[in-house]
Amino acid sequence: MIHLVGPYLLAAALVGLGVAGIAVRRNAVLLLVGVELVLSGGLVLLLTTQATGADRWAAGSVLPLFVITIAAAEVVVALAVVLAVFRLRGSIDLDAASDATDREEAP
């Protein structure tokens, strides 16, 4: 039986760093890294609860495969969007993209 404090602290640290990265960063790539950290924290929490469960929840060993698949698909789509924005604007700064959008809408 594993101690619960270590994996729970790891999951909390990953989610906390991911949320901080999402809230603070203006760079689109670093924003994606923050999203991946949140997904990784959720995956650690899912695996911890599956490993420590009394009934050994059967779906706990299959769900991480879905989480990893969704994370990989999210990275591919998001990086494609980031590359398209970079080609269009020449920068991946999210504040600059929103400022350019505001200027285009102004009469």
Protein backbone atom coordinates (compact mmCIF):
# COMPACT_ATOMS: atom_id res chain seq x y z
CA MET A 1 0.00 0.00 0.00
CA ILE A 2 1.39 3.39 -0.96
CA HIS A 3 1.18 6.51 1.14
CA LEU A 4 -1.39 8.94 -0.23
CA VAL A 5 0.38 12.15 0.68
CA GLY A 6 3.10 11.97 -1.99
CA PRO A 7 0.96 11.38 -5.08
CA TYR A 8 -1.71 13.82 -3.89
CA LEU A 9 0.90 16.52 -3.33
CA LEU A 10 2.39 15.80 -6.75
CA ALA A 11 -1.04 16.06 -8.39
CA ALA A 12 -1.78 19.29 -6.53
CA ALA A 13 1.60 20.74 -7.52
CA LEU A 14 1.10 19.85 -11.18
CA VAL A 15 -2.40 21.31 -11.29
CA GLY A 16 -1.29 24.41 -9.39
CA LEU A 17 1.65 25.03 -11.72
CA GLY A 18 -0.60 24.44 -14.73
CA VAL A 19 -3.26 26.89 -13.55
CA ALA A 20 -0.59 29.47 -12.71
CA GLY A 21 0.92 28.97 -16.17
CA ILE A 22 -2.46 29.43 -17.81
CA ALA A 23 -3.26 32.55 -15.78
CA VAL A 24 0.11 34.30 -16.12
CA ARG A 25 1.55 33.46 -19.54
CA ARG A 26 0.91 35.46 -22.68
CA ASN A 27 2.81 33.11 -24.95
CA ALA A 28 0.52 30.56 -26.62
CA VAL A 29 3.02 27.69 -26.43
CA LEU A 30 3.56 28.18 -22.70
CA LEU A 31 -0.20 28.32 -22.27
CA LEU A 32 -0.37 24.88 -23.88
CA VAL A 33 2.29 23.64 -21.47
CA GLY A 34 0.07 24.82 -18.61
CA VAL A 35 -2.89 22.88 -20.00
CA GLU A 36 -0.74 19.77 -20.29
CA LEU A 37 0.38 20.17 -16.67
CA VAL A 38 -3.25 20.29 -15.54
CA LEU A 39 -3.98 17.13 -17.55
CA SER A 40 -0.93 15.42 -16.05
CA GLY A 41 -2.03 16.33 -12.54
CA GLY A 42 -5.45 14.85 -13.22
CA LEU A 43 -3.83 11.71 -14.56
CA VAL A 44 -1.67 11.31 -11.45
CA LEU A 45 -4.74 11.76 -9.27
CA LEU A 46 -6.68 9.21 -11.32
CA LEU A 47 -3.91 6.64 -11.09
CA THR A 48 -3.47 7.24 -7.36
CA THR A 49 -7.14 6.71 -6.60
CA GLN A 50 -7.16 3.58 -8.73
CA ALA A 51 -4.09 2.13 -7.03
CA THR A 52 -5.32 2.81 -3.51
CA GLY A 53 -8.95 1.78 -4.01
CA ALA A 54 -10.22 -1.15 -2.02
CA ASP A 55 -12.09 -2.71 -4.96
CA ARG A 56 -9.35 -1.96 -7.53
CA TRP A 57 -11.61 -0.06 -9.86
CA ALA A 58 -11.21 -1.77 -13.23
CA ALA A 59 -11.69 1.34 -15.36
CA GLY A 60 -8.86 3.10 -13.54
CA SER A 61 -6.31 1.27 -15.65
CA VAL A 62 -8.04 2.05 -18.94
CA LEU A 63 -8.92 5.71 -18.38
CA PRO A 64 -5.28 6.91 -18.39
CA LEU A 65 -4.99 5.67 -21.97
CA PHE A 66 -7.91 7.91 -22.92
CA VAL A 67 -6.39 10.85 -21.05
CA ILE A 68 -3.07 10.41 -22.85
CA THR A 69 -4.85 10.10 -26.21
CA ILE A 70 -6.90 13.24 -25.60
CA ALA A 71 -3.79 15.14 -24.48
CA ALA A 72 -1.92 14.13 -27.62
CA ALA A 73 -4.82 15.15 -29.86
CA GLU A 74 -5.13 18.46 -28.02
CA VAL A 75 -1.45 19.21 -28.53
CA VAL A 76 -1.63 18.48 -32.25
CA VAL A 77 -4.68 20.68 -32.84
CA ALA A 78 -3.44 23.50 -30.61
CA LEU A 79 0.01 23.59 -32.20
CA ALA A 80 -1.60 23.72 -35.63
CA VAL A 81 -3.63 26.74 -34.51
CA VAL A 82 -0.53 28.38 -32.99
CA LEU A 83 1.42 27.87 -36.23
CA ALA A 84 -1.44 29.33 -38.27
CA VAL A 85 -1.58 32.39 -36.00
CA PHE A 86 2.20 32.77 -36.18
CA ARG A 87 2.14 32.66 -39.98
CA LEU A 88 -0.68 35.20 -40.08
CA ARG A 89 0.55 37.67 -37.46
CA GLY A 90 4.26 36.93 -37.08
CA SER A 91 3.97 36.52 -33.29
CA ILE A 92 2.38 34.10 -30.86
CA ASP A 93 1.87 36.72 -28.16
CA LEU A 94 -1.77 36.37 -27.12
CA ASP A 95 -2.14 40.02 -26.08
CA ALA A 96 -0.88 41.21 -29.46
CA ALA A 97 -3.38 38.95 -31.23
CA SER A 98 -6.29 40.32 -29.20
CA ASP A 99 -5.13 43.92 -29.80
CA ALA A 100 -4.94 43.32 -33.54
CA THR A 101 -8.46 41.86 -33.49
CA ASP A 102 -9.76 44.91 -31.63
CA ARG A 103 -8.16 47.24 -34.18
CA GLU A 104 -9.74 45.37 -37.08
CA GLU A 105 -13.24 45.69 -35.58
CA ALA A 106 -12.96 49.43 -34.92
CA PRO A 107 -14.61 51.65 -37.59
